[in-house]
């Protein structure tokens, strides 16, 4: 299929990001109790609990409980340890600076470590971890790159001085010249119904 003739996909945020916990109870206590996220679904995926927390309309972060799984700890944005990883951190969106400061205060009030506000130019953020050692961030868009037309000349949001070839293609023609193919790593998908 030619990507230039097909209809564009209408993304609506993060449906869910599936993470792993060895202790669902402490996960619920942190995400619902400390962060104030609404628990919206609990289900079983085979022998594993699978819980979903709302982070916005139709946007959730979800956890599979795997008892005994080793906790993973890595600071957000830091080089990975001596083994391969594909996940760095999860950033939750908040509407403005007041909400960011309120979350920071709430984390402190509940005894959680949290950074000062970090100014990244187009977003401002705080960093913290959950009880599973997962690096978390909360951010608000100082310059909302999602709510406006793409402008590759805006160095506030397109600041890479040497972008990868695909970005250069998008800048030049509005599309990428080549797309990769992928293969499933396994064919067994757990039926949650």
Protein backbone atom coordinates (compact mmCIF):
# COMPACT_ATOMS: atom_id res chain seq x y z
CA UNK A 1 0.00 0.00 0.00
CA UNK A 2 1.25 3.45 -0.86
CA UNK A 3 1.38 5.62 2.28
CA UNK A 4 0.74 8.75 0.22
CA UNK A 5 -2.69 7.56 -1.03
CA UNK A 6 -4.00 5.95 2.15
CA UNK A 7 -5.97 7.87 4.76
CA UNK A 8 -3.90 9.29 7.62
CA UNK A 9 -4.23 7.53 10.95
CA UNK A 10 -5.96 9.64 13.59
CA UNK A 11 -3.94 9.04 16.76
CA UNK A 12 -5.62 9.93 20.07
CA UNK A 13 -2.85 9.63 22.64
CA UNK A 14 -1.64 6.53 24.46
CA UNK A 15 -4.35 3.84 24.73
CA UNK A 16 -2.13 2.02 27.18
CA UNK A 17 1.51 1.46 27.87
CA UNK A 18 1.90 -2.05 29.29
CA UNK A 19 4.52 -2.36 32.02
CA UNK A 20 5.41 -5.15 34.44
CA UNK A 21 5.18 -5.25 38.23
CA UNK A 22 6.01 -7.97 40.75
CA UNK A 23 3.53 -6.40 43.23
CA UNK A 24 0.19 -5.16 41.89
CA UNK A 25 -0.93 -4.02 45.34
CA UNK A 26 1.94 -1.54 45.75
CA UNK A 27 1.42 -0.47 42.13
CA UNK A 28 -2.27 0.33 42.78
CA UNK A 29 -1.34 2.14 45.99
CA UNK A 30 1.17 4.31 44.13
CA UNK A 31 -0.74 5.04 40.90
CA UNK A 32 -4.19 5.46 42.50
CA UNK A 33 -3.11 6.62 45.96
CA UNK A 34 -0.06 8.80 45.36
CA UNK A 35 -0.57 9.93 41.75
CA UNK A 36 -4.38 10.04 42.02
CA UNK A 37 -4.94 8.13 38.77
CA UNK A 38 -8.29 6.40 38.47
CA UNK A 39 -8.14 2.60 38.25
CA UNK A 40 -10.43 1.91 35.26
CA UNK A 41 -10.01 -1.79 34.51
CA UNK A 42 -8.82 -4.96 36.18
CA UNK A 43 -8.64 -8.17 34.19
CA UNK A 44 -6.68 -11.38 33.93
CA UNK A 45 -4.37 -12.19 31.04
CA UNK A 46 -3.92 -15.90 31.51
CA UNK A 47 -2.47 -16.24 35.03
CA UNK A 48 -1.45 -12.56 35.23
CA UNK A 49 -3.40 -9.64 36.66
CA UNK A 50 -3.67 -6.78 34.15
CA UNK A 51 -4.74 -3.40 35.60
CA UNK A 52 -5.31 -0.10 33.80
CA UNK A 53 -5.00 3.44 35.23
CA UNK A 54 -6.49 6.45 33.44
CA UNK A 55 -4.08 9.24 32.52
CA UNK A 56 -6.53 11.08 30.26
CA UNK A 57 -9.57 10.42 28.11
CA UNK A 58 -8.95 7.01 26.50
CA UNK A 59 -5.31 7.11 27.69
CA UNK A 60 -4.04 4.59 30.24
CA UNK A 61 -0.94 3.05 31.72
CA UNK A 62 -1.35 -0.67 32.39
CA UNK A 63 0.54 -3.27 34.38
CA UNK A 64 0.91 -7.03 34.17
CA UNK A 65 1.66 -8.63 37.54
CA UNK A 66 4.42 -11.23 37.32
CA UNK A 67 5.29 -12.32 40.89
CA UNK A 68 9.01 -12.70 41.42
CA UNK A 69 10.05 -10.70 38.36
CA UNK A 70 13.24 -8.77 39.04
CA UNK A 71 12.76 -5.04 39.61
CA UNK A 72 14.29 -2.91 36.91
CA UNK A 73 15.93 0.34 37.88
CA UNK A 74 17.45 2.90 35.54
CA UNK A 75 17.32 6.70 35.81
CA UNK A 76 15.35 8.41 33.02
CA UNK A 77 17.57 9.49 30.15
CA UNK A 78 20.68 7.75 31.54
CA UNK A 79 22.70 5.29 29.45
CA UNK A 80 21.38 1.75 29.87
CA UNK A 81 23.22 -0.83 31.96
CA UNK A 82 25.15 -3.64 30.28
CA UNK A 83 22.07 -5.31 28.82
CA UNK A 84 19.72 -4.25 26.03
CA UNK A 85 16.52 -2.36 26.81
CA UNK A 86 13.76 -0.79 24.75
CA UNK A 87 12.04 1.23 27.45
CA UNK A 88 13.48 4.32 29.10
CA UNK A 89 10.66 6.10 30.93
CA UNK A 90 7.02 7.12 30.72
CA UNK A 91 5.98 10.77 30.75
CA UNK A 92 2.46 11.70 31.82
CA UNK A 93 0.99 14.86 30.35
CA UNK A 94 -0.30 17.61 32.71
CA UNK A 95 -2.03 20.79 31.50
CA UNK A 96 0.23 23.54 32.88
CA UNK A 97 2.93 24.67 35.31
CA UNK A 98 0.48 24.86 38.23
CA UNK A 99 -0.49 21.21 37.73
CA UNK A 100 3.19 20.23 37.49
CA UNK A 101 3.99 22.05 40.74
CA UNK A 102 0.91 20.53 42.43
CA UNK A 103 2.02 17.02 41.42
CA UNK A 104 5.55 17.73 42.66
CA UNK A 105 4.15 18.86 46.02
CA UNK A 106 1.86 15.82 46.20
CA UNK A 107 4.78 13.46 45.58
CA UNK A 108 6.80 15.17 48.30
CA UNK A 109 3.83 15.08 50.69
CA UNK A 110 3.55 11.30 50.13
CA UNK A 111 7.27 10.82 50.81
CA UNK A 112 8.36 10.20 47.21
CA UNK A 113 11.61 11.57 45.81
CA UNK A 114 11.07 13.99 42.94
CA UNK A 115 13.31 16.37 41.01
CA UNK A 116 12.95 20.11 40.78
CA UNK A 117 11.18 21.29 37.64
CA UNK A 118 13.45 20.77 34.62
CA UNK A 119 13.05 23.19 31.71
CA UNK A 120 13.57 21.42 28.37
CA UNK A 121 12.47 24.46 26.34
CA UNK A 122 9.37 23.02 24.67
CA UNK A 123 8.30 21.06 27.79
CA UNK A 124 8.86 21.43 31.53
CA UNK A 125 9.08 18.27 33.62
CA UNK A 126 9.64 16.59 36.96
CA UNK A 127 11.11 13.09 37.35
CA UNK A 128 10.31 10.38 39.90
CA UNK A 129 9.97 6.59 40.11
CA UNK A 130 7.19 4.16 40.98
CA UNK A 131 7.61 1.34 43.52
CA UNK A 132 8.70 -1.00 40.70
CA UNK A 133 11.74 1.17 39.91
CA UNK A 134 10.15 2.46 36.69
CA UNK A 135 11.38 5.94 35.79
CA UNK A 136 8.48 8.36 35.41
CA UNK A 137 8.18 11.93 34.23
CA UNK A 138 5.33 14.41 34.28
CA UNK A 139 5.45 17.16 31.66
CA UNK A 140 3.48 20.04 30.24
CA UNK A 141 3.87 21.49 26.77
CA UNK A 142 5.29 25.01 27.01
CA UNK A 143 5.18 24.98 23.21
CA UNK A 144 2.46 22.49 22.22
CA UNK A 145 4.04 20.65 19.32
CA UNK A 146 0.93 18.45 19.00
CA UNK A 147 -1.68 21.20 18.69
CA UNK A 148 -0.39 23.00 15.60
CA UNK A 149 0.84 22.42 12.08
CA UNK A 150 4.32 20.95 11.68
CA UNK A 151 6.97 23.61 11.11
CA UNK A 152 10.38 22.02 10.60
CA UNK A 153 11.96 25.49 10.63
CA UNK A 154 10.92 26.02 14.28
CA UNK A 155 14.16 25.25 16.14
CA UNK A 156 12.27 25.33 19.45
CA UNK A 157 10.75 21.93 18.64
CA UNK A 158 12.95 20.65 15.79
CA UNK A 159 16.35 21.26 17.34
CA UNK A 160 18.43 18.33 16.05
CA UNK A 161 21.16 20.00 13.95
CA UNK A 162 21.83 16.76 12.07
CA UNK A 163 18.51 14.91 11.77
CA UNK A 164 18.31 11.31 10.60
CA UNK A 165 17.62 10.78 6.90
CA UNK A 166 13.91 10.04 7.45
CA UNK A 167 13.42 13.49 9.01
CA UNK A 168 15.22 15.09 6.09
CA UNK A 169 12.82 13.24 3.75
CA UNK A 170 9.80 14.49 5.71
CA UNK A 171 11.17 18.03 5.57
CA UNK A 172 11.77 17.80 1.84
CA UNK A 173 8.68 15.92 0.59
CA UNK A 174 6.29 15.49 3.52
CA UNK A 175 6.76 11.72 3.53
CA UNK A 176 9.44 9.10 4.08
CA UNK A 177 10.90 7.36 1.04
CA UNK A 178 11.23 3.93 2.65
CA UNK A 179 9.55 2.11 5.52
CA UNK A 180 10.85 -0.94 7.39
CA UNK A 181 9.08 -4.28 7.52
CA UNK A 182 8.68 -6.04 10.84
CA UNK A 183 8.19 -9.59 12.06
CA UNK A 184 6.39 -10.85 15.15
CA UNK A 185 8.76 -12.29 17.73
CA UNK A 186 6.18 -14.82 18.83
CA UNK A 187 2.77 -15.77 17.58
CA UNK A 188 1.07 -16.52 20.90
CA UNK A 189 -1.10 -13.66 22.10
CA UNK A 190 -2.91 -14.18 25.40
CA UNK A 191 -6.69 -13.93 24.98
CA UNK A 192 -7.98 -11.65 27.76
CA UNK A 193 -11.65 -12.35 26.98
